[in-house]
Amino acid sequence: MFEHTAAEEVYSAIPVPTWRWTGVNKKAIPKKLAGQEAQTAEIHVKSGESMEVVLRYREQGIGAVKAVVETGGKLDLSVVQIAPHDKERASSLEIEVAKDAELRLTIVEAGAKESVSKFIVDLAGDRAKADIASVYFVDGKRRLDLNYLVRHRGKETDASMYIDGALLDEAEKTFRGTLDFVRGSSSSVGREKETVMLLSPKVRNRSVPLMLSGEGDVDGQHAVSIGKMDEAKLFYLMSRGLDLAEARRLVVEASFLPVLDRLPEESLREEIRSYVKRRIGDAAN
């Protein structure tokens, strides 16, 4: 599925290219990571078993994870990227979900000067399921590139992919989200939605929802919602004595809460909340 390539080659690419001028078709690995070896991990959930795994990326580098969930197995996987804001990060996930198996995937992208992240979830078996939720927070002049692909191969597969994010200052973010229904995936269902909160007029957001279908009997839905922070909410909170930074933090945290609550460790949830609070506070000063 994924292959690591040299920096000048493609690290992450959209399955079907769109207009070249949009700049979303492909992405090279961050230059400082060129030539580095990836930190690899393999996850294997045996038939009928359940497993909970938390991956934390706190340093500069490349991560590559492969996972297999056998028939009837369940994997609850959380991936949290909170590398220092002056470092670079790249990561890839390949996950194969077999017949009657289930994947619960939670992703948090909050750190790094530049982060490039990609995954392929392969619903290989009949009635395989994937429940995917992701949040991102990008501020300053940081850059984030996401490429998420869910491939439906089995019959009656079911996938949901919900992404929430906030952009502040002069941040840049590209998101590619693809639902791919291959031939033979009849009676399968896929849902995808990204919600983007723009906290500054200088941010740059690019969202590319994509649905591919080689099978007629499927139900695919995809959408993007992009907008500024609700001014009425801000006014209400500030009328209660909060300053702008604190009001912003509360609104962002409320939008992130459903995803953060999926993380199994309260200490990790609190670390992310504190990180966002500090970054929003720094922007206000």
C-alpha atoms as a PDB file:
ATOM      1  CA  MET A   1       0.000   0.000   0.000  1.00  0.00           C
ATOM      2  CA  PHE A   2       2.177   2.860   1.241  1.00  0.00           C
ATOM      3  CA  GLU A   3       5.804   3.034   0.183  1.00  0.00           C
ATOM      4  CA  HIS A   4       8.446   5.346   1.601  1.00  0.00           C
ATOM      5  CA  THR A   5      10.179   7.345  -1.108  1.00  0.00           C
ATOM      6  CA  ALA A   6      12.911   9.925  -1.359  1.00  0.00           C
ATOM      7  CA  ALA A   7      12.063  13.504  -0.440  1.00  0.00           C
ATOM      8  CA  GLU A   8      11.857  14.692  -4.036  1.00  0.00           C
ATOM      9  CA  GLU A   9       9.403  11.915  -4.872  1.00  0.00           C
ATOM     10  CA  VAL A  10       5.798  11.483  -3.758  1.00  0.00           C
ATOM     11  CA  TYR A  11       5.180  10.520  -0.125  1.00  0.00           C
ATOM     12  CA  SER A  12       1.425  11.063  -0.176  1.00  0.00           C
ATOM     13  CA  ALA A  13      -0.918  11.340  -3.171  1.00  0.00           C
ATOM     14  CA  ILE A  14      -4.609  11.568  -3.922  1.00  0.00           C
ATOM     15  CA  PRO A  15      -5.927   8.358  -5.593  1.00  0.00           C
ATOM     16  CA  VAL A  16      -7.288  10.209  -8.631  1.00  0.00           C
ATOM     17  CA  PRO A  17      -5.497  13.475  -9.556  1.00  0.00           C
ATOM     18  CA  THR A  18      -7.509  16.663  -9.848  1.00  0.00           C
ATOM     19  CA  TRP A  19      -6.539  20.009 -11.379  1.00  0.00           C
ATOM     20  CA  ARG A  20      -2.805  20.536 -10.970  1.00  0.00           C
ATOM     21  CA  TRP A  21      -3.139  24.217 -10.058  1.00  0.00           C
ATOM     22  CA  THR A  22      -4.956  23.291  -6.841  1.00  0.00           C
ATOM     23  CA  GLY A  23      -1.732  21.825  -5.436  1.00  0.00           C
ATOM     24  CA  VAL A  24      -3.473  18.900  -3.739  1.00  0.00           C
ATOM     25  CA  ASN A  25      -2.488  15.956  -5.929  1.00  0.00           C
ATOM     26  CA  LYS A  26       0.690  14.973  -4.100  1.00  0.00           C
ATOM     27  CA  LYS A  27       2.956  15.803  -1.200  1.00  0.00           C
ATOM     28  CA  ALA A  28       6.641  15.204  -0.587  1.00  0.00           C
ATOM     29  CA  ILE A  29       8.000  14.224   2.787  1.00  0.00           C
ATOM     30  CA  PRO A  30       9.299  17.211   4.837  1.00  0.00           C
ATOM     31  CA  LYS A  31      12.856  17.988   3.732  1.00  0.00           C
ATOM     32  CA  LYS A  32      14.457  17.526   7.148  1.00  0.00           C
ATOM     33  CA  LEU A  33      13.099  13.983   7.249  1.00  0.00           C
ATOM     34  CA  ALA A  34      14.559  12.957   3.902  1.00  0.00           C
ATOM     35  CA  GLY A  35      16.666   9.838   4.208  1.00  0.00           C
ATOM     36  CA  GLN A  36      15.584   9.056   7.766  1.00  0.00           C
ATOM     37  CA  GLU A  37      14.489   5.571   8.686  1.00  0.00           C
ATOM     38  CA  ALA A  38      10.894   5.200   9.772  1.00  0.00           C
ATOM     39  CA  GLN A  39       9.988   3.956  13.217  1.00  0.00           C
ATOM     40  CA  THR A  40       7.822   0.974  12.366  1.00  0.00           C
ATOM     41  CA  ALA A  41       5.209  -0.933  14.327  1.00  0.00           C
ATOM     42  CA  GLU A  42       2.933  -3.864  13.571  1.00  0.00           C
ATOM     43  CA  ILE A  43      -0.392  -4.592  15.226  1.00  0.00           C
ATOM     44  CA  HIS A  44      -2.097  -7.952  14.874  1.00  0.00           C
ATOM     45  CA  VAL A  45      -5.523  -8.606  16.320  1.00  0.00           C
ATOM     46  CA  LYS A  46      -6.353 -12.287  16.139  1.00  0.00           C
ATOM     47  CA  SER A  47      -9.735 -13.676  15.207  1.00  0.00           C
ATOM     48  CA  GLY A  48     -12.383 -12.894  17.816  1.00  0.00           C
ATOM     49  CA  GLU A  49     -10.016 -10.906  20.045  1.00  0.00           C
ATOM     50  CA  SER A  50     -10.037  -7.228  21.048  1.00  0.00           C
ATOM     51  CA  MET A  51      -7.111  -4.847  21.441  1.00  0.00           C
ATOM     52  CA  GLU A  52      -6.627  -1.225  22.534  1.00  0.00           C
ATOM     53  CA  VAL A  53      -3.510   0.629  21.352  1.00  0.00           C
ATOM     54  CA  VAL A  54      -2.353   4.238  21.873  1.00  0.00           C
ATOM     55  CA  LEU A  55       0.474   5.638  19.715  1.00  0.00           C
ATOM     56  CA  ARG A  56       2.087   8.924  20.773  1.00  0.00           C
ATOM     57  CA  TYR A  57       4.313  10.916  18.456  1.00  0.00           C
ATOM     58  CA  ARG A  58       6.200  13.483  20.552  1.00  0.00           C
ATOM     59  CA  GLU A  59       9.417  13.894  18.561  1.00  0.00           C
ATOM     60  CA  GLN A  60      10.583  14.712  15.060  1.00  0.00           C
ATOM     61  CA  GLY A  61      10.641  11.681  12.782  1.00  0.00           C
ATOM     62  CA  ILE A  62       8.732   9.244  10.607  1.00  0.00           C
ATOM     63  CA  GLY A  63       6.241   6.674  11.856  1.00  0.00           C
ATOM     64  CA  ALA A  64       4.906   3.742   9.853  1.00  0.00           C
ATOM     65  CA  VAL A  65       2.292   1.398  11.317  1.00  0.00           C
ATOM     66  CA  LYS A  66       0.708  -1.675   9.770  1.00  0.00           C
ATOM     67  CA  ALA A  67      -2.256  -3.400  11.377  1.00  0.00           C
ATOM     68  CA  VAL A  68      -4.372  -6.451  10.623  1.00  0.00           C
ATOM     69  CA  VAL A  69      -7.686  -7.172  12.315  1.00  0.00           C
ATOM     70  CA  GLU A  70      -8.689 -10.758  11.685  1.00  0.00           C
ATOM     71  CA  THR A  71     -12.227 -12.138  11.371  1.00  0.00           C
ATOM     72  CA  GLY A  72     -14.462 -10.920  14.181  1.00  0.00           C
ATOM     73  CA  GLY A  73     -11.670  -8.996  15.867  1.00  0.00           C
ATOM     74  CA  LYS A  74     -11.862  -5.453  17.255  1.00  0.00           C
ATOM     75  CA  LEU A  75      -9.125  -2.819  17.284  1.00  0.00           C
ATOM     76  CA  ASP A  76      -9.389   0.494  19.147  1.00  0.00           C
ATOM     77  CA  LEU A  77      -6.430   2.539  17.885  1.00  0.00           C
ATOM     78  CA  SER A  78      -5.570   6.098  18.963  1.00  0.00           C
ATOM     79  CA  VAL A  79      -2.810   8.088  17.246  1.00  0.00           C
ATOM     80  CA  VAL A  80      -1.753  11.378  18.852  1.00  0.00           C
ATOM     81  CA  GLN A  81       0.774  13.715  17.201  1.00  0.00           C
ATOM     82  CA  ILE A  82       2.051  16.379  19.606  1.00  0.00           C
ATOM     83  CA  ALA A  83       5.610  16.892  18.375  1.00  0.00           C
ATOM     84  CA  PRO A  84       7.319  20.227  19.236  1.00  0.00           C
ATOM     85  CA  HIS A  85       6.057  23.084  17.071  1.00  0.00           C
ATOM     86  CA  ASP A  86       9.544  23.649  15.567  1.00  0.00           C
ATOM     87  CA  LYS A  87       9.964  20.020  14.418  1.00  0.00           C
ATOM     88  CA  GLU A  88       8.716  18.014  11.440  1.00  0.00           C
ATOM     89  CA  ARG A  89       6.711  14.825  11.401  1.00  0.00           C
ATOM     90  CA  ALA A  90       5.489  12.249   8.872  1.00  0.00           C
ATOM     91  CA  SER A  91       3.332   9.214   9.568  1.00  0.00           C
ATOM     92  CA  SER A  92       1.502   6.466   7.732  1.00  0.00           C
ATOM     93  CA  LEU A  93      -1.061   3.862   8.699  1.00  0.00           C
ATOM     94  CA  GLU A  94      -2.121   0.745   6.796  1.00  0.00           C
ATOM     95  CA  ILE A  95      -4.978  -1.171   8.370  1.00  0.00           C
ATOM     96  CA  GLU A  96      -6.694  -4.245   6.955  1.00  0.00           C
ATOM     97  CA  VAL A  97     -10.060  -5.158   8.461  1.00  0.00           C
ATOM     98  CA  ALA A  98     -11.323  -8.687   7.801  1.00  0.00           C
ATOM     99  CA  LYS A  99     -14.798 -10.218   7.728  1.00  0.00           C
ATOM    100  CA  ASP A 100     -17.058  -9.100  10.604  1.00  0.00           C
ATOM    101  CA  ALA A 101     -14.122  -7.228  12.175  1.00  0.00           C
ATOM    102  CA  GLU A 102     -14.280  -3.687  13.577  1.00  0.00           C
ATOM    103  CA  LEU A 103     -11.884  -0.753  13.691  1.00  0.00           C
ATOM    104  CA  ARG A 104     -12.231   2.299  15.915  1.00  0.00           C
ATOM    105  CA  LEU A 105      -9.603   4.843  14.886  1.00  0.00           C
ATOM    106  CA  THR A 106      -9.024   8.172  16.666  1.00  0.00           C
ATOM    107  CA  ILE A 107      -6.433  10.656  15.383  1.00  0.00           C
ATOM    108  CA  VAL A 108      -5.230  13.911  16.936  1.00  0.00           C
ATOM    109  CA  GLU A 109      -2.937  16.243  14.966  1.00  0.00           C
ATOM    110  CA  ALA A 110      -1.855  19.120  17.188  1.00  0.00           C
ATOM    111  CA  GLY A 111       1.919  19.515  16.979  1.00  0.00           C
ATOM    112  CA  ALA A 112       4.884  19.884  14.603  1.00  0.00           C
ATOM    113  CA  LYS A 113       6.025  22.742  12.383  1.00  0.00           C
ATOM    114  CA  GLU A 114       5.085  20.597   9.388  1.00  0.00           C
ATOM    115  CA  SER A 115       3.179  17.329   9.551  1.00  0.00           C
ATOM    116  CA  VAL A 116       2.326  14.966   6.702  1.00  0.00           C
ATOM    117  CA  SER A 117      -0.061  12.166   7.659  1.00  0.00           C
ATOM    118  CA  LYS A 118      -1.736   9.463   5.595  1.00  0.00           C
ATOM    119  CA  PHE A 119      -3.708   6.272   6.081  1.00  0.00           C
ATOM    120  CA  ILE A 120      -5.384   3.520   4.138  1.00  0.00           C
ATOM    121  CA  VAL A 121      -8.128   1.551   5.850  1.00  0.00           C
ATOM    122  CA  ASP A 122      -8.930  -1.515   3.784  1.00  0.00           C
ATOM    123  CA  LEU A 123     -12.339  -3.024   4.581  1.00  0.00           C
ATOM    124  CA  ALA A 124     -11.350  -6.310   3.033  1.00  0.00           C
ATOM    125  CA  GLY A 125     -13.994  -8.643   4.424  1.00  0.00           C
ATOM    126  CA  ASP A 126     -17.763  -8.749   4.278  1.00  0.00           C
ATOM    127  CA  ARG A 127     -19.462  -6.648   6.983  1.00  0.00           C
ATOM    128  CA  ALA A 128     -16.157  -5.093   8.061  1.00  0.00           C
ATOM    129  CA  LYS A 129     -16.633  -1.776   9.900  1.00  0.00           C
ATOM    130  CA  ALA A 130     -14.561   1.341  10.496  1.00  0.00           C
ATOM    131  CA  ASP A 131     -15.413   4.203  12.857  1.00  0.00           C
ATOM    132  CA  ILE A 132     -12.891   7.010  12.250  1.00  0.00           C
ATOM    133  CA  ALA A 133     -12.705  10.366  14.016  1.00  0.00           C
ATOM    134  CA  SER A 134      -9.929  12.937  13.703  1.00  0.00           C
ATOM    135  CA  VAL A 135      -9.196  16.431  15.011  1.00  0.00           C
ATOM    136  CA  TYR A 136      -6.477  18.910  14.100  1.00  0.00           C
ATOM    137  CA  PHE A 137      -5.302  22.285  15.395  1.00  0.00           C
ATOM    138  CA  VAL A 138      -2.857  24.323  13.313  1.00  0.00           C
ATOM    139  CA  ASP A 139      -1.588  27.789  14.229  1.00  0.00           C
ATOM    140  CA  GLY A 140       1.305  30.164  13.570  1.00  0.00           C
ATOM    141  CA  LYS A 141       2.880  29.374  10.199  1.00  0.00           C
ATOM    142  CA  ARG A 142       2.620  25.643  10.698  1.00  0.00           C
ATOM    143  CA  ARG A 143       1.531  23.316   7.882  1.00  0.00           C
ATOM    144  CA  LEU A 144      -0.525  20.147   7.963  1.00  0.00           C
ATOM    145  CA  ASP A 145      -1.167  17.717   5.119  1.00  0.00           C
ATOM    146  CA  LEU A 146      -3.687  14.875   5.579  1.00  0.00           C
ATOM    147  CA  ASN A 147      -4.541  12.090   3.133  1.00  0.00           C
ATOM    148  CA  TYR A 148      -7.183   9.633   4.374  1.00  0.00           C
ATOM    149  CA  LEU A 149      -8.475   6.734   2.276  1.00  0.00           C
ATOM    150  CA  VAL A 150     -11.106   4.139   3.180  1.00  0.00           C
ATOM    151  CA  ARG A 151     -11.374   1.344   0.633  1.00  0.00           C
ATOM    152  CA  HIS A 152     -14.515  -0.816   0.620  1.00  0.00           C
ATOM    153  CA  ARG A 153     -13.774  -4.267  -0.808  1.00  0.00           C
ATOM    154  CA  GLY A 154     -16.092  -6.605   1.090  1.00  0.00           C
ATOM    155  CA  LYS A 155     -19.873  -6.689   0.822  1.00  0.00           C
ATOM    156  CA  GLU A 156     -22.000  -4.811   3.364  1.00  0.00           C
ATOM    157  CA  THR A 157     -19.042  -2.893   4.742  1.00  0.00           C
ATOM    158  CA  ASP A 158     -19.691   0.219   6.819  1.00  0.00           C
ATOM    159  CA  ALA A 159     -17.399   3.201   7.376  1.00  0.00           C
ATOM    160  CA  SER A 160     -17.744   6.646   8.915  1.00  0.00           C
ATOM    161  CA  MET A 161     -15.001   9.278   8.765  1.00  0.00           C
ATOM    162  CA  TYR A 162     -15.530  12.555  10.635  1.00  0.00           C
ATOM    163  CA  ILE A 163     -12.840  15.225  10.828  1.00  0.00           C
ATOM    164  CA  ASP A 164     -12.936  18.443  12.866  1.00  0.00           C
ATOM    165  CA  GLY A 165     -10.268  21.118  12.747  1.00  0.00           C
ATOM    166  CA  ALA A 166      -9.339  24.693  13.591  1.00  0.00           C
ATOM    167  CA  LEU A 167      -6.881  26.993  11.785  1.00  0.00           C
ATOM    168  CA  LEU A 168      -5.356  30.090  13.371  1.00  0.00           C
ATOM    169  CA  ASP A 169      -2.889  32.838  12.386  1.00  0.00           C
ATOM    170  CA  GLU A 170      -1.230  31.996   9.027  1.00  0.00           C
ATOM    171  CA  ALA A 171      -1.649  28.233   9.251  1.00  0.00           C
ATOM    172  CA  GLU A 172      -1.988  26.048   6.150  1.00  0.00           C
ATOM    173  CA  LYS A 173      -3.853  22.769   5.906  1.00  0.00           C
ATOM    174  CA  THR A 174      -4.675  20.342   3.104  1.00  0.00           C
ATOM    175  CA  PHE A 175      -7.089  17.481   3.631  1.00  0.00           C
ATOM    176  CA  ARG A 176      -7.852  14.733   1.133  1.00  0.00           C
ATOM    177  CA  GLY A 177     -10.555  12.298   2.199  1.00  0.00           C
ATOM    178  CA  THR A 178     -11.492   9.427  -0.097  1.00  0.00           C
ATOM    179  CA  LEU A 179     -14.191   6.766   0.027  1.00  0.00           C
ATOM    180  CA  ASP A 180     -13.381   4.096  -2.549  1.00  0.00           C
ATOM    181  CA  PHE A 181     -16.078   1.510  -3.326  1.00  0.00           C
ATOM    182  CA  VAL A 182     -14.403  -1.127  -5.475  1.00  0.00           C
ATOM    183  CA  ARG A 183     -16.278  -3.635  -7.606  1.00  0.00           C
ATOM    184  CA  GLY A 184     -17.795  -6.342  -5.428  1.00  0.00           C
ATOM    185  CA  SER A 185     -18.494  -4.086  -2.439  1.00  0.00           C
ATOM    186  CA  SER A 186     -22.254  -4.198  -2.909  1.00  0.00           C
ATOM    187  CA  SER A 187     -24.574  -2.952  -0.138  1.00  0.00           C
ATOM    188  CA  SER A 188     -21.737  -1.039   1.483  1.00  0.00           C
ATOM    189  CA  VAL A 189     -22.115   2.330   3.211  1.00  0.00           C
ATOM    190  CA  GLY A 190     -19.582   5.129   3.612  1.00  0.00           C
ATOM    191  CA  ARG A 191     -19.923   8.556   5.239  1.00  0.00           C
ATOM    192  CA  GLU A 192     -17.348  11.321   5.309  1.00  0.00           C
ATOM    193  CA  LYS A 193     -17.518  14.876   6.661  1.00  0.00           C
ATOM    194  CA  GLU A 194     -14.911  17.504   7.487  1.00  0.00           C
ATOM    195  CA  THR A 195     -15.742  20.576   9.564  1.00  0.00           C
ATOM    196  CA  VAL A 196     -13.193  23.403   9.460  1.00  0.00           C
ATOM    197  CA  MET A 197     -13.180  26.391  11.823  1.00  0.00           C
ATOM    198  CA  LEU A 198     -11.291  29.432  10.499  1.00  0.00           C
ATOM    199  CA  LEU A 199      -9.957  31.617  13.317  1.00  0.00           C
ATOM    200  CA  SER A 200      -8.030  34.093  11.173  1.00  0.00           C
ATOM    201  CA  PRO A 201      -8.443  35.699   7.716  1.00  0.00           C
ATOM    202  CA  LYS A 202      -4.852  34.739   6.856  1.00  0.00           C
ATOM    203  CA  VAL A 203      -5.203  30.958   7.121  1.00  0.00           C
ATOM    204  CA  ARG A 204      -5.139  28.773   4.018  1.00  0.00           C
ATOM    205  CA  ASN A 205      -7.452  25.791   3.871  1.00  0.00           C
ATOM    206  CA  ARG A 206      -7.776  23.195   1.120  1.00  0.00           C
ATOM    207  CA  SER A 207     -10.337  20.422   1.491  1.00  0.00           C
ATOM    208  CA  VAL A 208     -10.767  17.676  -1.109  1.00  0.00           C
ATOM    209  CA  PRO A 209     -13.539  15.147  -0.384  1.00  0.00           C
ATOM    210  CA  LEU A 210     -13.544  12.391  -2.995  1.00  0.00           C
ATOM    211  CA  MET A 211     -15.781   9.411  -3.667  1.00  0.00           C
ATOM    212  CA  LEU A 212     -14.865   6.661  -6.122  1.00  0.00           C
ATOM    213  CA  SER A 213     -17.263   3.893  -7.070  1.00  0.00           C
ATOM    214  CA  GLY A 214     -16.853   0.787  -9.176  1.00  0.00           C
ATOM    215  CA  GLU A 215     -20.017  -0.708  -7.673  1.00  0.00           C
ATOM    216  CA  GLY A 216     -23.571   0.511  -8.241  1.00  0.00           C
ATOM    217  CA  ASP A 217     -25.293  -0.787  -5.115  1.00  0.00           C
ATOM    218  CA  VAL A 218     -23.569   1.398  -2.496  1.00  0.00           C
ATOM    219  CA  ASP A 219     -24.434   4.394  -0.332  1.00  0.00           C
ATOM    220  CA  GLY A 220     -21.726   7.049  -0.191  1.00  0.00           C
ATOM    221  CA  GLN A 221     -21.969  10.484   1.398  1.00  0.00           C
ATOM    222  CA  HIS A 222     -19.309  13.169   1.658  1.00  0.00           C
ATOM    223  CA  ALA A 223     -19.352  16.810   2.691  1.00  0.00           C
ATOM    224  CA  VAL A 224     -17.218  19.731   3.881  1.00  0.00           C
ATOM    225  CA  SER A 225     -18.293  22.574   6.160  1.00  0.00           C
ATOM    226  CA  ILE A 226     -15.981  25.600   6.346  1.00  0.00           C
ATOM    227  CA  GLY A 227     -16.700  28.717   8.364  1.00  0.00           C
ATOM    228  CA  LYS A 228     -15.607  31.284  10.903  1.00  0.00           C
ATOM    229  CA  MET A 229     -16.103  30.872  14.621  1.00  0.00           C
ATOM    230  CA  ASP A 230     -19.658  31.550  15.724  1.00  0.00           C
ATOM    231  CA  GLU A 231     -19.670  35.252  16.641  1.00  0.00           C
ATOM    232  CA  ALA A 232     -22.777  34.837  18.794  1.00  0.00           C
ATOM    233  CA  LYS A 233     -21.001  32.243  20.942  1.00  0.00           C
ATOM    234  CA  LEU A 234     -17.951  34.472  21.279  1.00  0.00           C
ATOM    235  CA  PHE A 235     -20.087  37.486  22.255  1.00  0.00           C
ATOM    236  CA  TYR A 236     -21.970  35.446  24.841  1.00  0.00           C
ATOM    237  CA  LEU A 237     -18.805  34.095  26.442  1.00  0.00           C
ATOM    238  CA  MET A 238     -17.064  37.484  26.452  1.00  0.00           C
ATOM    239  CA  SER A 239     -20.152  39.102  27.966  1.00  0.00           C
ATOM    240  CA  ARG A 240     -19.641  36.685  30.860  1.00  0.00           C
ATOM    241  CA  GLY A 241     -16.197  38.124  31.538  1.00  0.00           C
ATOM    242  CA  LEU A 242     -13.938  35.945  29.391  1.00  0.00           C
ATOM    243  CA  ASP A 243     -11.272  37.502  27.180  1.00  0.00           C
ATOM    244  CA  LEU A 244     -11.037  36.676  23.465  1.00  0.00           C
ATOM    245  CA  ALA A 245      -8.395  33.965  23.868  1.00  0.00           C
ATOM    246  CA  GLU A 246     -10.337  32.136  26.571  1.00  0.00           C
ATOM    247  CA  ALA A 247     -13.592  32.400  24.627  1.00  0.00           C
ATOM    248  CA  ARG A 248     -11.907  31.018  21.521  1.00  0.00           C
ATOM    249  CA  ARG A 249     -10.393  28.181  23.502  1.00  0.00           C
ATOM    250  CA  LEU A 250     -13.742  27.144  24.925  1.00  0.00           C
ATOM    251  CA  VAL A 251     -15.404  27.133  21.502  1.00  0.00           C
ATOM    252  CA  VAL A 252     -12.561  25.106  19.949  1.00  0.00           C
ATOM    253  CA  GLU A 253     -12.448  22.700  22.883  1.00  0.00           C
ATOM    254  CA  ALA A 254     -16.216  22.144  22.660  1.00  0.00           C
ATOM    255  CA  SER A 255     -15.913  21.213  18.983  1.00  0.00           C
ATOM    256  CA  PHE A 256     -13.025  18.836  19.731  1.00  0.00           C
ATOM    257  CA  LEU A 257     -14.583  17.262  22.818  1.00  0.00           C
ATOM    258  CA  PRO A 258     -16.437  14.354  21.120  1.00  0.00           C
ATOM    259  CA  VAL A 259     -13.170  13.162  19.544  1.00  0.00           C
ATOM    260  CA  LEU A 260     -10.961  13.769  22.593  1.00  0.00           C
ATOM    261  CA  ASP A 261     -13.416  11.815  24.735  1.00  0.00           C
ATOM    262  CA  ARG A 262     -12.615   8.762  22.612  1.00  0.00           C
ATOM    263  CA  LEU A 263      -9.031   8.732  23.910  1.00  0.00           C
ATOM    264  CA  PRO A 264      -8.677   6.127  26.672  1.00  0.00           C
ATOM    265  CA  GLU A 265      -6.419   8.187  28.967  1.00  0.00           C
ATOM    266  CA  GLU A 266      -7.557  11.305  30.812  1.00  0.00           C
ATOM    267  CA  SER A 267      -3.955  12.476  31.177  1.00  0.00           C
ATOM    268  CA  LEU A 268      -3.588  12.499  27.397  1.00  0.00           C
ATOM    269  CA  ARG A 269      -6.857  14.370  26.914  1.00  0.00           C
ATOM    270  CA  GLU A 270      -5.742  16.984  29.444  1.00  0.00           C
ATOM    271  CA  GLU A 271      -2.346  17.331  27.759  1.00  0.00           C
ATOM    272  CA  ILE A 272      -4.019  18.127  24.426  1.00  0.00           C
ATOM    273  CA  ARG A 273      -6.460  20.571  26.011  1.00  0.00           C
ATOM    274  CA  SER A 274      -3.567  22.355  27.741  1.00  0.00           C
ATOM    275  CA  TYR A 275      -1.616  22.489  24.482  1.00  0.00           C
ATOM    276  CA  VAL A 276      -4.496  24.105  22.582  1.00  0.00           C
ATOM    277  CA  LYS A 277      -5.130  26.538  25.436  1.00  0.00           C
ATOM    278  CA  ARG A 278      -1.482  27.618  25.454  1.00  0.00           C
ATOM    279  CA  ARG A 279      -1.296  28.048  21.687  1.00  0.00           C
ATOM    280  CA  ILE A 280      -4.494  30.106  21.472  1.00  0.00           C
ATOM    281  CA  GLY A 281      -3.290  32.216  24.408  1.00  0.00           C
ATOM    282  CA  ASP A 282       0.063  32.843  22.694  1.00  0.00           C
ATOM    283  CA  ALA A 283      -1.746  33.982  19.536  1.00  0.00           C
ATOM    284  CA  ALA A 284      -3.753  36.537  21.493  1.00  0.00           C
ATOM    285  CA  ASN A 285      -0.644  38.120  23.049  1.00  0.00           C
END
